[in-house]
Amino acid sequence: MKRSRRRATARRGLPHQWASLPKKVPHPFTFPDIDNNLSERVLRTIAIGRKNWLFAGSDAGAKRAAVIYSLIGSCKLFRIDPFAYLRDVLDRVSTHPASRIADLTPSGWAATSPGA
């Protein structure tokens, strides 16, 4: 489909969507938070990381980096300070019972740690 034809198709669909716009924008001079800044910030970290991941050194190094990135991302998801989490888990991992290993995941750590 040519670009001009896609534009024409989009313009024809606009009047049908115009009726639902006042539901999202109650006053013409106020604009609600209709943006994608959060998703763009998240994608920016992936794009920057992609450059860094080229220099992991080896496949094993890249896998280790992926584990660390995943742990840090999970900490951010649960609103945990990644440094405090990693420091505590690395201190406890050698003496922690294997039957309670779920306590060392970010979600388990947030539920059981008083400082989280």
N, C-alpha and C. Protein backbone atom coordinates (compact mmCIF):
# COMPACT_ATOMS: atom_id res chain seq x y z
N MET A 1 0.84 -1.17 0.00
CA MET A 1 0.00 0.00 0.00
C MET A 1 0.89 1.24 0.00
N LYS A 2 0.59 2.19 -0.89
CA LYS A 2 1.38 3.40 -0.98
C LYS A 2 1.16 4.29 0.25
N ARG A 3 2.13 5.13 0.50
CA ARG A 3 2.06 6.02 1.66
C ARG A 3 0.86 6.97 1.57
N SER A 4 0.61 7.53 0.40
CA SER A 4 -0.51 8.46 0.25
C SER A 4 -1.84 7.75 0.47
N ARG A 5 -1.90 6.50 0.07
CA ARG A 5 -3.14 5.75 0.27
C ARG A 5 -3.35 5.44 1.76
N ARG A 6 -2.27 5.14 2.48
CA ARG A 6 -2.38 4.89 3.92
C ARG A 6 -2.84 6.15 4.64
N ARG A 7 -2.32 7.30 4.22
CA ARG A 7 -2.75 8.55 4.84
C ARG A 7 -4.23 8.81 4.59
N ALA A 8 -4.66 8.56 3.37
CA ALA A 8 -6.06 8.77 3.05
C ALA A 8 -6.95 7.85 3.87
N THR A 9 -6.50 6.61 4.06
CA THR A 9 -7.27 5.67 4.88
C THR A 9 -7.33 6.15 6.32
N ALA A 10 -6.23 6.66 6.82
CA ALA A 10 -6.20 7.16 8.19
C ALA A 10 -7.11 8.38 8.34
N ARG A 11 -7.11 9.26 7.34
CA ARG A 11 -7.97 10.44 7.41
C ARG A 11 -9.45 10.06 7.38
N ARG A 12 -9.78 9.04 6.62
CA ARG A 12 -11.18 8.61 6.57
C ARG A 12 -11.63 8.03 7.91
N GLY A 13 -10.72 7.41 8.64
CA GLY A 13 -11.08 6.82 9.92
C GLY A 13 -11.14 7.83 11.06
N LEU A 14 -10.55 8.99 10.87
CA LEU A 14 -10.48 10.00 11.93
C LEU A 14 -11.85 10.48 12.42
N PRO A 15 -12.81 10.77 11.56
CA PRO A 15 -14.12 11.21 12.08
C PRO A 15 -14.79 10.18 12.97
N HIS A 16 -14.55 8.92 12.72
CA HIS A 16 -15.15 7.87 13.55
C HIS A 16 -14.54 7.85 14.95
N GLN A 17 -13.29 8.24 15.06
CA GLN A 17 -12.63 8.26 16.36
C GLN A 17 -12.82 9.59 17.08
N TRP A 18 -13.22 10.62 16.35
CA TRP A 18 -13.36 11.95 16.94
C TRP A 18 -14.41 11.98 18.04
N ALA A 19 -15.43 11.15 17.93
CA ALA A 19 -16.51 11.14 18.93
C ALA A 19 -16.01 10.64 20.28
N SER A 20 -15.04 9.76 20.31
CA SER A 20 -14.55 9.22 21.58
C SER A 20 -13.49 10.11 22.23
N LEU A 21 -12.97 11.09 21.51
CA LEU A 21 -11.93 11.95 22.06
C LEU A 21 -12.39 12.76 23.27
N PRO A 22 -13.60 13.36 23.28
CA PRO A 22 -14.02 14.13 24.48
C PRO A 22 -14.11 13.28 25.74
N LYS A 23 -14.27 11.99 25.61
CA LYS A 23 -14.30 11.13 26.79
C LYS A 23 -12.92 11.10 27.45
N LYS A 24 -11.87 11.21 26.64
CA LYS A 24 -10.51 11.18 27.18
C LYS A 24 -9.99 12.56 27.52
N VAL A 25 -10.46 13.58 26.81
CA VAL A 25 -10.05 14.96 27.05
C VAL A 25 -11.30 15.76 27.40
N PRO A 26 -11.60 15.93 28.69
CA PRO A 26 -12.84 16.60 29.09
C PRO A 26 -12.89 18.07 28.71
N HIS A 27 -11.78 18.75 28.73
CA HIS A 27 -11.72 20.16 28.40
C HIS A 27 -10.70 20.32 27.28
N PRO A 28 -10.98 21.11 26.24
CA PRO A 28 -10.07 21.15 25.10
C PRO A 28 -8.67 21.68 25.42
N PHE A 29 -8.51 22.43 26.52
CA PHE A 29 -7.20 22.99 26.82
C PHE A 29 -6.45 22.21 27.89
N THR A 30 -7.02 21.13 28.35
CA THR A 30 -6.31 20.28 29.30
C THR A 30 -6.00 18.97 28.61
N PHE A 31 -4.80 18.53 28.79
CA PHE A 31 -4.39 17.30 28.16
C PHE A 31 -4.04 16.28 29.24
N PRO A 32 -4.70 15.14 29.24
CA PRO A 32 -4.35 14.11 30.23
C PRO A 32 -3.02 13.47 29.86
N ASP A 33 -2.59 12.56 30.67
CA ASP A 33 -1.32 11.90 30.43
C ASP A 33 -1.46 10.85 29.34
N ILE A 34 -1.58 11.34 28.13
CA ILE A 34 -1.61 10.43 26.98
C ILE A 34 -0.23 10.50 26.37
N ASP A 35 0.66 9.70 26.87
CA ASP A 35 2.01 9.64 26.32
C ASP A 35 2.59 8.26 26.58
N ASN A 36 3.74 8.04 26.05
CA ASN A 36 4.40 6.76 26.24
C ASN A 36 5.81 6.96 26.77
N ASN A 37 6.00 7.98 27.62
CA ASN A 37 7.32 8.26 28.16
C ASN A 37 7.88 7.08 28.95
N LEU A 38 7.04 6.43 29.75
CA LEU A 38 7.53 5.30 30.54
C LEU A 38 8.05 4.19 29.64
N SER A 39 7.29 3.84 28.63
CA SER A 39 7.73 2.76 27.74
C SER A 39 8.98 3.16 26.97
N GLU A 40 9.10 4.44 26.60
CA GLU A 40 10.29 4.87 25.89
C GLU A 40 11.52 4.83 26.80
N ARG A 41 11.35 5.18 28.08
CA ARG A 41 12.48 5.10 29.01
C ARG A 41 12.93 3.66 29.18
N VAL A 42 11.97 2.73 29.26
CA VAL A 42 12.32 1.32 29.41
C VAL A 42 13.06 0.83 28.17
N LEU A 43 12.57 1.20 27.00
CA LEU A 43 13.22 0.77 25.76
C LEU A 43 14.60 1.39 25.61
N ARG A 44 14.80 2.60 26.13
CA ARG A 44 16.10 3.24 26.05
C ARG A 44 17.15 2.42 26.81
N THR A 45 16.77 1.90 27.97
CA THR A 45 17.74 1.09 28.73
C THR A 45 18.09 -0.17 27.95
N ILE A 46 17.13 -0.73 27.23
CA ILE A 46 17.43 -1.92 26.42
C ILE A 46 18.37 -1.55 25.28
N ALA A 47 18.11 -0.42 24.63
CA ALA A 47 18.96 -0.01 23.51
C ALA A 47 20.39 0.28 23.97
N ILE A 48 20.53 0.93 25.12
CA ILE A 48 21.88 1.20 25.65
C ILE A 48 22.53 -0.11 26.07
N GLY A 49 21.76 -0.97 26.69
CA GLY A 49 22.30 -2.26 27.11
C GLY A 49 22.75 -3.10 25.93
N ARG A 50 22.03 -2.99 24.82
CA ARG A 50 22.39 -3.78 23.65
C ARG A 50 23.81 -3.49 23.21
N LYS A 51 24.21 -2.21 23.26
CA LYS A 51 25.59 -1.87 22.92
C LYS A 51 26.57 -2.49 23.92
N ASN A 52 26.21 -2.45 25.19
CA ASN A 52 27.09 -2.99 26.22
C ASN A 52 27.18 -4.50 26.14
N TRP A 53 26.10 -5.16 25.75
CA TRP A 53 26.09 -6.62 25.71
C TRP A 53 26.96 -7.16 24.60
N LEU A 54 27.32 -6.33 23.64
CA LEU A 54 28.22 -6.79 22.58
C LEU A 54 29.59 -7.13 23.15
N PHE A 55 29.92 -6.53 24.28
CA PHE A 55 31.25 -6.69 24.84
C PHE A 55 31.24 -7.52 26.12
N ALA A 56 30.38 -8.52 26.17
CA ALA A 56 30.30 -9.37 27.36
C ALA A 56 31.52 -10.26 27.49
N GLY A 57 32.23 -10.50 26.41
CA GLY A 57 33.45 -11.29 26.47
C GLY A 57 33.24 -12.72 26.03
N SER A 58 32.15 -13.33 26.43
CA SER A 58 31.86 -14.71 26.06
C SER A 58 30.38 -14.98 26.27
N ASP A 59 29.93 -16.14 25.82
CA ASP A 59 28.53 -16.51 26.04
C ASP A 59 28.23 -16.66 27.53
N ALA A 60 29.17 -17.23 28.27
CA ALA A 60 28.96 -17.40 29.71
C ALA A 60 28.89 -16.04 30.41
N GLY A 61 29.74 -15.11 29.99
CA GLY A 61 29.70 -13.76 30.56
C GLY A 61 28.39 -13.06 30.25
N ALA A 62 27.88 -13.26 29.04
CA ALA A 62 26.60 -12.65 28.66
C ALA A 62 25.46 -13.24 29.48
N LYS A 63 25.51 -14.54 29.74
CA LYS A 63 24.45 -15.17 30.56
C LYS A 63 24.50 -14.64 31.99
N ARG A 64 25.69 -14.47 32.53
CA ARG A 64 25.82 -13.91 33.89
C ARG A 64 25.29 -12.47 33.94
N ALA A 65 25.62 -11.70 32.92
CA ALA A 65 25.12 -10.32 32.86
C ALA A 65 23.60 -10.31 32.78
N ALA A 66 23.02 -11.24 32.01
CA ALA A 66 21.56 -11.31 31.89
C ALA A 66 20.93 -11.63 33.24
N VAL A 67 21.54 -12.50 34.01
CA VAL A 67 21.02 -12.84 35.34
C VAL A 67 21.05 -11.62 36.24
N ILE A 68 22.15 -10.88 36.22
CA ILE A 68 22.27 -9.68 37.05
C ILE A 68 21.25 -8.62 36.62
N TYR A 69 21.13 -8.41 35.30
CA TYR A 69 20.13 -7.44 34.81
C TYR A 69 18.73 -7.86 35.23
N SER A 70 18.43 -9.15 35.17
CA SER A 70 17.10 -9.63 35.57
C SER A 70 16.85 -9.40 37.05
N LEU A 71 17.86 -9.67 37.88
CA LEU A 71 17.71 -9.44 39.31
C LEU A 71 17.48 -7.96 39.62
N ILE A 72 18.24 -7.11 38.97
CA ILE A 72 18.09 -5.67 39.20
C ILE A 72 16.73 -5.20 38.70
N GLY A 73 16.28 -5.71 37.57
CA GLY A 73 14.95 -5.36 37.07
C GLY A 73 13.85 -5.81 38.00
N SER A 74 14.00 -7.02 38.57
CA SER A 74 13.00 -7.51 39.53
C SER A 74 13.01 -6.67 40.80
N CYS A 75 14.19 -6.26 41.23
CA CYS A 75 14.26 -5.38 42.41
C CYS A 75 13.53 -4.08 42.16
N LYS A 76 13.72 -3.50 40.99
CA LYS A 76 13.03 -2.25 40.67
C LYS A 76 11.53 -2.47 40.62
N LEU A 77 11.10 -3.62 40.11
CA LEU A 77 9.68 -3.93 40.04
C LEU A 77 9.05 -3.98 41.43
N PHE A 78 9.78 -4.53 42.40
CA PHE A 78 9.27 -4.64 43.77
C PHE A 78 9.68 -3.47 44.65
N ARG A 79 10.24 -2.42 44.04
CA ARG A 79 10.67 -1.21 44.74
C ARG A 79 11.67 -1.52 45.85
N ILE A 80 12.66 -2.32 45.50
CA ILE A 80 13.73 -2.72 46.41
C ILE A 80 15.01 -2.06 45.93
N ASP A 81 15.83 -1.60 46.87
CA ASP A 81 17.15 -1.09 46.51
C ASP A 81 18.01 -2.28 46.06
N PRO A 82 18.42 -2.31 44.78
CA PRO A 82 19.18 -3.48 44.28
C PRO A 82 20.46 -3.74 45.05
N PHE A 83 21.16 -2.68 45.47
CA PHE A 83 22.42 -2.87 46.20
C PHE A 83 22.16 -3.53 47.55
N ALA A 84 21.14 -3.06 48.27
CA ALA A 84 20.83 -3.66 49.58
C ALA A 84 20.40 -5.11 49.41
N TYR A 85 19.61 -5.38 48.39
CA TYR A 85 19.15 -6.76 48.13
C TYR A 85 20.33 -7.67 47.84
N LEU A 86 21.18 -7.28 46.90
CA LEU A 86 22.32 -8.14 46.53
C LEU A 86 23.28 -8.32 47.70
N ARG A 87 23.53 -7.26 48.47
CA ARG A 87 24.42 -7.38 49.62
C ARG A 87 23.87 -8.37 50.63
N ASP A 88 22.58 -8.27 50.95
CA ASP A 88 21.97 -9.17 51.92
C ASP A 88 21.92 -10.61 51.42
N VAL A 89 21.52 -10.80 50.17
CA VAL A 89 21.40 -12.15 49.62
C VAL A 89 22.76 -12.82 49.52
N LEU A 90 23.77 -12.08 49.07
CA LEU A 90 25.11 -12.68 48.97
C LEU A 90 25.69 -13.02 50.34
N ASP A 91 25.31 -12.26 51.37
CA ASP A 91 25.75 -12.59 52.73
C ASP A 91 25.05 -13.85 53.25
N ARG A 92 23.77 -14.04 52.89
CA ARG A 92 22.98 -15.13 53.45
C ARG A 92 22.98 -16.41 52.63
N VAL A 93 23.36 -16.37 51.38
CA VAL A 93 23.15 -17.50 50.47
C VAL A 93 23.92 -18.75 50.92
N SER A 94 25.07 -18.61 51.51
CA SER A 94 25.85 -19.80 51.88
C SER A 94 25.28 -20.53 53.10
N THR A 95 24.54 -19.84 53.95
CA THR A 95 24.00 -20.47 55.15
C THR A 95 22.49 -20.66 55.09
N HIS A 96 21.88 -20.22 54.03
CA HIS A 96 20.42 -20.29 53.92
C HIS A 96 19.98 -21.71 53.55
N PRO A 97 18.94 -22.23 54.20
CA PRO A 97 18.49 -23.59 53.86
C PRO A 97 17.93 -23.67 52.44
N ALA A 98 18.25 -24.74 51.76
CA ALA A 98 17.80 -24.92 50.38
C ALA A 98 16.29 -25.04 50.29
N SER A 99 15.65 -25.50 51.33
CA SER A 99 14.19 -25.65 51.30
C SER A 99 13.48 -24.29 51.30
N ARG A 100 14.19 -23.23 51.70
CA ARG A 100 13.60 -21.89 51.73
C ARG A 100 14.29 -20.95 50.75
N ILE A 101 14.70 -21.50 49.61
CA ILE A 101 15.43 -20.69 48.63
C ILE A 101 14.55 -19.60 48.02
N ALA A 102 13.24 -19.81 48.03
CA ALA A 102 12.32 -18.80 47.49
C ALA A 102 12.38 -17.50 48.29
N ASP A 103 12.84 -17.55 49.53
CA ASP A 103 12.99 -16.33 50.34
C ASP A 103 14.07 -15.41 49.80
N LEU A 104 14.96 -15.95 48.96
CA LEU A 104 16.05 -15.14 48.43
C LEU A 104 15.73 -14.50 47.09
N THR A 105 14.57 -14.82 46.51
CA THR A 105 14.16 -14.13 45.28
C THR A 105 13.71 -12.72 45.66
N PRO A 106 13.73 -11.78 44.73
CA PRO A 106 13.32 -10.42 45.09
C PRO A 106 11.90 -10.35 45.69
N SER A 107 10.96 -11.13 45.17
CA SER A 107 9.62 -11.07 45.73
C SER A 107 9.58 -11.66 47.14
N GLY A 108 10.27 -12.78 47.36
CA GLY A 108 10.33 -13.38 48.69
C GLY A 108 11.09 -12.51 49.67
N TRP A 109 12.16 -11.89 49.20
CA TRP A 109 12.98 -11.02 50.05
C TRP A 109 12.18 -9.80 50.49
N ALA A 110 11.39 -9.24 49.57
CA ALA A 110 10.57 -8.07 49.92
C ALA A 110 9.53 -8.40 50.96
N ALA A 111 9.01 -9.65 50.92
CA ALA A 111 7.98 -10.05 51.88
C ALA A 111 8.56 -10.35 53.25
N THR A 112 9.81 -10.84 53.32
CA THR A 112 10.37 -11.29 54.59
C THR A 112 11.35 -10.31 55.22
N SER A 113 11.90 -9.38 54.46
CA SER A 113 12.91 -8.47 55.01
C SER A 113 12.23 -7.26 55.64
N PRO A 114 12.64 -6.90 56.84
CA PRO A 114 12.02 -5.76 57.51
C PRO A 114 12.39 -4.43 56.87
N GLY A 115 13.55 -4.34 56.25
CA GLY A 115 14.00 -3.08 55.67
C GLY A 115 13.54 -2.88 54.23
N ALA A 116 12.83 -3.83 53.70
CA ALA A 116 12.44 -3.72 52.27
C ALA A 116 11.29 -2.78 52.06
